[in-house]
Protein backbone atom coordinates (compact mmCIF):
# COMPACT_ATOMS: atom_id res chain seq x y z
CA UNK A 1 -30.78 10.98 16.74
CA UNK A 2 -29.71 9.31 13.66
CA UNK A 3 -32.21 7.78 11.37
CA UNK A 4 -32.26 3.88 11.79
CA UNK A 5 -30.51 1.72 9.33
CA UNK A 6 -31.41 -1.72 8.32
CA UNK A 7 -29.75 -4.00 6.07
CA UNK A 8 -30.76 -7.32 4.37
CA UNK A 9 -28.64 -10.08 3.40
CA UNK A 10 -30.28 -13.22 1.94
CA UNK A 11 -27.28 -15.08 0.69
CA UNK A 12 -24.74 -14.60 3.53
CA UNK A 13 -21.36 -16.33 3.65
CA UNK A 14 -18.89 -17.08 6.23
CA UNK A 15 -15.70 -15.62 4.60
CA UNK A 16 -12.45 -17.50 4.99
CA UNK A 17 -9.27 -15.45 3.93
CA UNK A 18 -5.80 -16.86 3.75
CA UNK A 19 -2.47 -16.69 1.93
CA UNK A 20 0.09 -19.23 0.24
CA UNK A 21 3.49 -18.77 -0.86
CA UNK A 22 2.26 -19.39 -4.33
CA UNK A 23 -1.16 -20.48 -5.80
CA UNK A 24 -0.72 -23.09 -8.71
CA UNK A 25 -2.28 -26.50 -9.86
CA UNK A 26 -0.86 -29.74 -8.53
CA UNK A 27 0.88 -29.71 -5.29
CA UNK A 28 -0.62 -29.22 -1.81
CA UNK A 29 -0.68 -25.59 -0.99
CA UNK A 30 0.28 -24.74 2.58
CA UNK A 31 -1.80 -21.96 3.71
CA UNK A 32 -1.69 -19.51 6.75
CA UNK A 33 -4.21 -19.73 9.44
CA UNK A 34 -7.40 -18.46 7.93
CA UNK A 35 -9.12 -15.36 9.11
CA UNK A 36 -12.93 -15.93 9.59
CA UNK A 37 -15.41 -13.14 9.28
CA UNK A 38 -19.21 -12.85 8.58
CA UNK A 39 -19.76 -11.85 4.92
CA UNK A 40 -22.43 -11.04 2.35
CA UNK A 41 -23.44 -7.50 1.06
CA UNK A 42 -25.85 -6.44 3.52
CA UNK A 43 -23.77 -7.84 6.57
CA UNK A 44 -20.77 -6.04 5.31
CA UNK A 45 -22.52 -2.74 4.99
CA UNK A 46 -23.79 -3.06 8.61
CA UNK A 47 -20.30 -4.01 9.68
CA UNK A 48 -18.90 -0.92 7.98
CA UNK A 49 -21.43 1.28 9.56
CA UNK A 50 -20.54 -0.10 12.84
CA UNK A 51 -16.72 0.29 12.36
CA UNK A 52 -17.40 3.83 11.45
CA UNK A 53 -19.05 4.56 14.74
CA UNK A 54 -22.65 4.18 13.72
CA UNK A 55 -25.42 1.61 14.43
CA UNK A 56 -27.23 -0.76 11.93
CA UNK A 57 -29.30 -3.81 12.24
CA UNK A 58 -28.66 -6.74 9.83
CA UNK A 59 -31.59 -8.87 8.83
CA UNK A 60 -30.01 -11.98 7.77
CA UNK A 61 -31.09 -15.30 6.68
CA UNK A 62 -29.06 -18.13 8.45
CA UNK A 63 -28.98 -21.85 8.17
CA UNK A 64 -27.24 -24.81 9.58
CA UNK A 65 -24.08 -25.08 11.65
CA UNK A 66 -22.24 -22.55 9.40
CA UNK A 67 -25.19 -20.08 10.05
CA UNK A 68 -24.59 -20.45 13.75
CA UNK A 69 -20.85 -19.72 13.14
CA UNK A 70 -21.81 -16.57 11.26
CA UNK A 71 -24.02 -15.34 13.84
CA UNK A 72 -21.25 -16.01 16.63
CA UNK A 73 -18.83 -13.92 14.41
CA UNK A 74 -21.47 -11.12 14.19
CA UNK A 75 -21.90 -11.13 17.91
CA UNK A 76 -18.20 -11.08 18.35
CA UNK A 77 -17.96 -7.87 16.35
CA UNK A 78 -20.83 -6.25 18.34
CA UNK A 79 -23.10 -5.86 15.11
CA UNK A 80 -26.82 -5.99 15.88
CA UNK A 81 -28.67 -8.55 13.66
CA UNK A 82 -32.03 -10.43 13.52
CA UNK A 83 -31.80 -13.80 12.03
CA UNK A 84 -34.59 -15.32 9.94
CA UNK A 85 -34.28 -19.12 9.14
CA UNK A 86 -32.71 -19.86 5.70
CA UNK A 87 -33.11 -22.98 3.73
CA UNK A 88 -30.24 -25.57 3.76
CA UNK A 89 -26.80 -24.43 5.08
CA UNK A 90 -25.20 -21.03 4.98
CA UNK A 91 -22.53 -21.01 2.19
CA UNK A 92 -18.74 -20.23 2.64
CA UNK A 93 -16.40 -18.31 0.63
CA UNK A 94 -12.60 -18.57 0.18
CA UNK A 95 -10.05 -15.89 -0.66
CA UNK A 96 -6.50 -16.99 -1.12
CA UNK A 97 -3.70 -14.38 -1.67
CA UNK A 98 -0.57 -15.55 -3.80
CA UNK A 99 2.31 -13.94 -1.82
CA UNK A 100 4.63 -14.32 -4.68
CA UNK A 101 2.32 -12.31 -7.07
CA UNK A 102 0.37 -10.44 -4.71
CA UNK A 103 -2.80 -11.63 -6.73
CA UNK A 104 -5.91 -12.55 -4.86
CA UNK A 105 -8.03 -15.61 -5.85
CA UNK A 106 -11.79 -15.70 -4.75
CA UNK A 107 -13.87 -18.68 -4.51
CA UNK A 108 -17.56 -18.14 -3.79
CA UNK A 109 -19.91 -21.03 -3.12
CA UNK A 110 -23.60 -20.75 -4.21
CA UNK A 111 -26.46 -20.61 -1.64
CA UNK A 112 -29.36 -22.91 -0.98
CA UNK A 113 -32.37 -22.67 -3.23
CA UNK A 114 -35.27 -20.42 -1.67
CA UNK A 115 -39.10 -21.38 -1.96
CA UNK A 116 -41.97 -18.94 -1.96
CA UNK A 117 -42.51 -19.67 1.75
CA UNK A 118 -38.98 -18.72 2.56
CA UNK A 119 -39.53 -15.48 0.77
CA UNK A 120 -42.79 -14.82 2.64
CA UNK A 121 -41.06 -15.44 6.00
CA UNK A 122 -38.30 -12.89 5.20
CA UNK A 123 -40.90 -10.23 4.18
CA UNK A 124 -42.82 -10.91 7.29
CA UNK A 125 -39.95 -10.49 9.45
CA UNK A 126 -38.98 -7.25 7.66
CA UNK A 127 -42.48 -5.89 8.21
CA UNK A 128 -41.92 -6.58 11.86
CA UNK A 129 -38.64 -4.74 12.34
CA UNK A 130 -38.67 -2.07 9.73
CA UNK A 131 -39.78 1.34 11.46
CA UNK A 132 -41.16 4.26 9.49
CA UNK A 133 -38.36 6.27 8.17
CA UNK A 134 -35.78 3.68 8.23
CA UNK A 135 -33.10 3.52 5.70
CA UNK A 136 -33.12 0.09 4.26
CA UNK A 137 -30.06 -1.49 2.11
CA UNK A 138 -30.69 -4.48 -0.08
CA UNK A 139 -27.17 -5.48 -1.15
CA UNK A 140 -25.40 -8.58 -2.25
CA UNK A 141 -26.10 -11.49 -4.57
CA UNK A 142 -29.66 -13.46 -4.43
CA UNK A 143 -29.57 -17.06 -3.86
CA UNK A 144 -31.29 -19.44 -6.12
CA UNK A 145 -35.18 -19.42 -6.37
CA UNK A 146 -35.49 -15.70 -5.60
CA UNK A 147 -37.49 -13.78 -8.11
CA UNK A 148 -35.45 -11.03 -10.10
CA UNK A 149 -38.20 -8.65 -8.88
CA UNK A 150 -37.61 -9.11 -5.24
CA UNK A 151 -36.60 -5.44 -4.58
CA UNK A 152 -40.21 -4.44 -5.57
CA UNK A 153 -41.43 -6.79 -2.96
CA UNK A 154 -39.08 -5.52 -0.47
CA UNK A 155 -40.12 -1.93 -1.37
CA UNK A 156 -43.92 -2.86 -0.94
CA UNK A 157 -43.21 -4.48 2.52
CA UNK A 158 -41.52 -1.19 3.93
CA UNK A 159 -43.45 1.06 6.35
CA UNK A 160 -44.25 4.73 5.39
CA UNK A 161 -41.32 6.85 5.04
CA UNK A 162 -38.79 4.08 4.77
CA UNK A 163 -36.27 4.47 1.93
CA UNK A 164 -34.59 1.56 0.01
CA UNK A 165 -31.14 1.63 -0.98
CA UNK A 166 -30.34 -1.04 -3.83
CA UNK A 167 -27.01 -2.35 -4.56
CA UNK A 168 -27.24 -5.46 -6.84
CA UNK A 169 -26.16 -6.69 -10.12
CA UNK A 170 -26.95 -9.40 -12.98
CA UNK A 171 -30.72 -10.30 -13.60
CA UNK A 172 -32.03 -8.40 -10.45
CA UNK A 173 -30.29 -5.25 -11.77
CA UNK A 174 -31.83 -5.92 -15.11
CA UNK A 175 -35.25 -6.20 -13.76
CA UNK A 176 -35.18 -2.88 -11.94
CA UNK A 177 -34.19 -1.42 -15.31
CA UNK A 178 -37.07 -3.06 -17.03
CA UNK A 179 -39.68 -2.63 -14.33
CA UNK A 180 -38.62 0.48 -12.17
CA UNK A 181 -39.58 -0.01 -8.41
CA UNK A 182 -41.68 2.82 -7.26
CA UNK A 183 -40.17 4.88 -4.74
CA UNK A 184 -36.80 3.46 -4.87
CA UNK A 185 -34.40 5.85 -3.23
CA UNK A 186 -30.85 4.96 -4.51
CA UNK A 187 -29.44 2.63 -6.90
CA UNK A 188 -25.78 1.88 -7.00
CA UNK A 189 -23.79 -0.16 -9.67
CA UNK A 190 -20.22 -0.46 -10.88
CA UNK A 191 -18.91 0.77 -14.21
CA UNK A 192 -18.79 -2.65 -15.76
CA UNK A 193 -22.62 -3.26 -14.74
CA UNK A 194 -23.64 0.14 -16.18
CA UNK A 195 -21.72 -0.32 -19.46
CA UNK A 196 -23.44 -3.84 -19.81
CA UNK A 197 -26.85 -2.41 -19.35
CA UNK A 198 -26.04 0.69 -21.68
CA UNK A 199 -24.49 -1.53 -24.40
CA UNK A 200 -21.52 0.83 -24.62
CA UNK A 201 -18.46 1.95 -22.75
CA UNK A 202 -18.24 5.33 -20.81
CA UNK A 203 -14.97 6.97 -21.55
CA UNK A 204 -15.71 10.02 -19.33
CA UNK A 205 -17.39 10.73 -15.88
CA UNK A 206 -19.68 12.86 -17.90
CA UNK A 207 -20.84 10.10 -20.04
CA UNK A 208 -21.47 8.00 -16.88
CA UNK A 209 -23.29 10.84 -15.18
CA UNK A 210 -25.53 11.18 -18.20
CA UNK A 211 -26.61 7.66 -18.10
CA UNK A 212 -27.15 7.92 -14.58
CA UNK A 213 -29.18 10.96 -14.96
CA UNK A 214 -31.23 9.24 -17.80
CA UNK A 215 -32.11 6.41 -15.39
CA UNK A 216 -33.49 8.97 -12.81
CA UNK A 217 -35.37 10.69 -15.46
CA UNK A 218 -36.94 7.25 -16.44
CA UNK A 219 -37.89 6.94 -12.73
CA UNK A 220 -35.62 3.95 -12.00
CA UNK A 221 -34.57 5.56 -8.73
CA UNK A 222 -34.49 8.99 -7.24
CA UNK A 223 -30.65 8.89 -7.05
CA UNK A 224 -28.27 6.79 -9.12
CA UNK A 225 -24.53 6.23 -8.24
CA UNK A 226 -22.10 4.96 -10.58
CA UNK A 227 -18.66 3.77 -9.50
CA UNK A 228 -15.68 4.19 -11.95
CA UNK A 229 -13.21 2.18 -10.28
CA UNK A 230 -10.08 4.06 -9.21
CA UNK A 231 -11.25 7.26 -10.90
CA UNK A 232 -13.99 7.74 -8.24
CA UNK A 233 -17.99 7.85 -8.46
CA UNK A 234 -20.62 9.85 -9.96
CA UNK A 235 -24.12 10.68 -8.70
CA UNK A 236 -27.16 11.74 -10.51
CA UNK A 237 -30.43 13.08 -9.01
CA UNK A 238 -33.00 15.42 -10.25
CA UNK A 239 -31.27 18.86 -11.33
CA UNK A 240 -27.92 17.37 -9.79
CA UNK A 241 -24.81 15.72 -11.27
CA UNK A 242 -21.78 15.21 -9.12
CA UNK A 243 -18.45 13.43 -9.05
CA UNK A 244 -16.18 12.49 -6.21
CA UNK A 245 -12.65 11.63 -7.19
CA UNK A 246 -11.15 8.56 -5.38
CA UNK A 247 -7.68 9.23 -3.59
CA UNK A 248 -4.88 7.27 -5.26
CA UNK A 249 -3.98 4.13 -3.23
CA UNK A 250 -1.98 0.92 -3.49
CA UNK A 251 -4.66 -1.62 -3.60
CA UNK A 252 -3.92 -4.48 -0.90
CA UNK A 253 -7.34 -6.04 -1.44
CA UNK A 254 -10.64 -4.70 -3.13
CA UNK A 255 -12.91 -7.06 -1.15
CA UNK A 256 -15.33 -5.09 0.65
CA UNK A 257 -14.79 -1.63 -1.01
CA UNK A 258 -18.33 -1.48 -2.41
CA UNK A 259 -19.92 -2.41 0.67
CA UNK A 260 -17.72 0.10 2.62
CA UNK A 261 -18.88 2.62 0.20
CA UNK A 262 -22.39 1.93 0.84
CA UNK A 263 -22.05 1.69 4.57
CA UNK A 264 -20.35 5.17 4.69
CA UNK A 265 -23.16 6.55 2.48
CA UNK A 266 -25.89 5.40 4.35
CA UNK A 267 -24.45 6.35 7.58
CA UNK A 268 -23.87 9.90 6.50
CA UNK A 269 -27.42 10.06 5.23
CA UNK A 270 -28.68 8.67 8.42
CA UNK A 271 -26.76 11.39 10.27
CA UNK A 272 -28.40 14.22 8.01
CA UNK A 273 -25.70 14.79 5.49
CA UNK A 274 -26.67 15.94 1.92
CA UNK A 275 -25.86 13.79 -1.12
CA UNK A 276 -22.54 15.52 -1.84
CA UNK A 277 -21.24 14.95 1.60
CA UNK A 278 -22.43 11.35 1.73
CA UNK A 279 -20.84 10.75 -1.63
CA UNK A 280 -17.37 12.16 -0.42
CA UNK A 281 -17.46 10.01 2.69
CA UNK A 282 -18.59 6.80 0.62
CA UNK A 283 -15.56 7.30 -1.82
CA UNK A 284 -13.10 7.88 1.10
CA UNK A 285 -14.49 4.60 2.71
CA UNK A 286 -14.14 2.72 -0.35
CA UNK A 287 -10.59 3.81 -0.87
CA UNK A 288 -9.80 2.98 2.84
CA UNK A 289 -11.19 -0.67 2.36
CA UNK A 290 -8.70 -1.22 -0.54
CA UNK A 291 -5.64 -0.72 1.67
CA UNK A 292 -6.70 -3.23 4.28
CA UNK A 293 -5.75 -6.94 3.94
CA UNK A 294 -8.07 -9.91 2.95
CA UNK A 295 -11.68 -9.22 3.68
CA UNK A 296 -11.17 -6.53 6.15
CA UNK A 297 -13.45 -3.39 5.68
CA UNK A 298 -12.71 0.22 5.97
CA UNK A 299 -10.92 1.50 9.11
CA UNK A 300 -12.18 4.94 10.60
CA UNK A 301 -8.67 6.32 10.85
CA UNK A 302 -8.03 5.75 7.08
CA UNK A 303 -11.29 7.15 6.10
CA UNK A 304 -10.57 10.45 8.07
CA UNK A 305 -7.17 10.63 6.39
CA UNK A 306 -8.63 10.47 2.90
CA UNK A 307 -11.55 12.94 3.38
CA UNK A 308 -9.59 16.19 3.14
CA UNK A 309 -8.31 15.46 -0.21
CA UNK A 310 -11.75 14.63 -1.66
CA UNK A 311 -13.49 17.48 -3.25
CA UNK A 312 -16.92 16.76 -4.93
CA UNK A 313 -17.48 18.36 -8.25
CA UNK A 314 -20.59 19.33 -10.09
CA UNK A 315 -20.58 18.06 -13.54
CA UNK A 316 -22.27 19.68 -16.61
């Protein structure tokens, strides 16, 4: 039986995606009927796991009528979830594709501000539903009011044997760098985030791997993964540095690629795969998400098609 997977989404969004003949200021832009989907980092990770034939439970903070619509969308997709009350109204996001240029414009609204009581309620629910040994994914943006050190509080709330996978950015990521979270299993970030933290660019995959390995040595996480965009991803753990090349694709929409990566990664680990195989499947899923329209995630048939061409390489 696979290891249980639990994802956390504190700043979910009801995602609307549409297209217009041309996006420009001034006139009313006549758009196609919108595609409406549940969104937010942890939700999308759980959706990707579900689409790839696995099972995950999404612990999600929902509020107001938009929160009700998001819950309905999760039920419609068959994604298991546990809702905790969120302050205010769940936010919405909008992605509009300009059909003339093929470019996509993404408009992301802020979430409502959290208080200490909101945080305590979330952590209490986490303690109730996280079983020993669970793979727990904390992913996506944080709403206003949450401490940058939230990952440490989540880790402290987990039962024995549970493993935390963190995919975050901005001040929350910087906090993990300054004050490592004891026992953090996996930390993932993209190349821009890594270069900002390092204060320099990484011209080669070896340089990215060296930075990731340094974070492992400093105790930031047991395993650090850096995405290098269309090139692929590197992984570093103790005595291990790996690179998985991304298959060449014509990008239709990059929305959801990172969440598809994490979903495939955690599903492979839950099924007993080693890090190299989990990385291979994650890179295939990210590429698969790039060839789907709007906010659609990876399709299993596309992941299966990409896998044979992805060979994980050890890095010196």
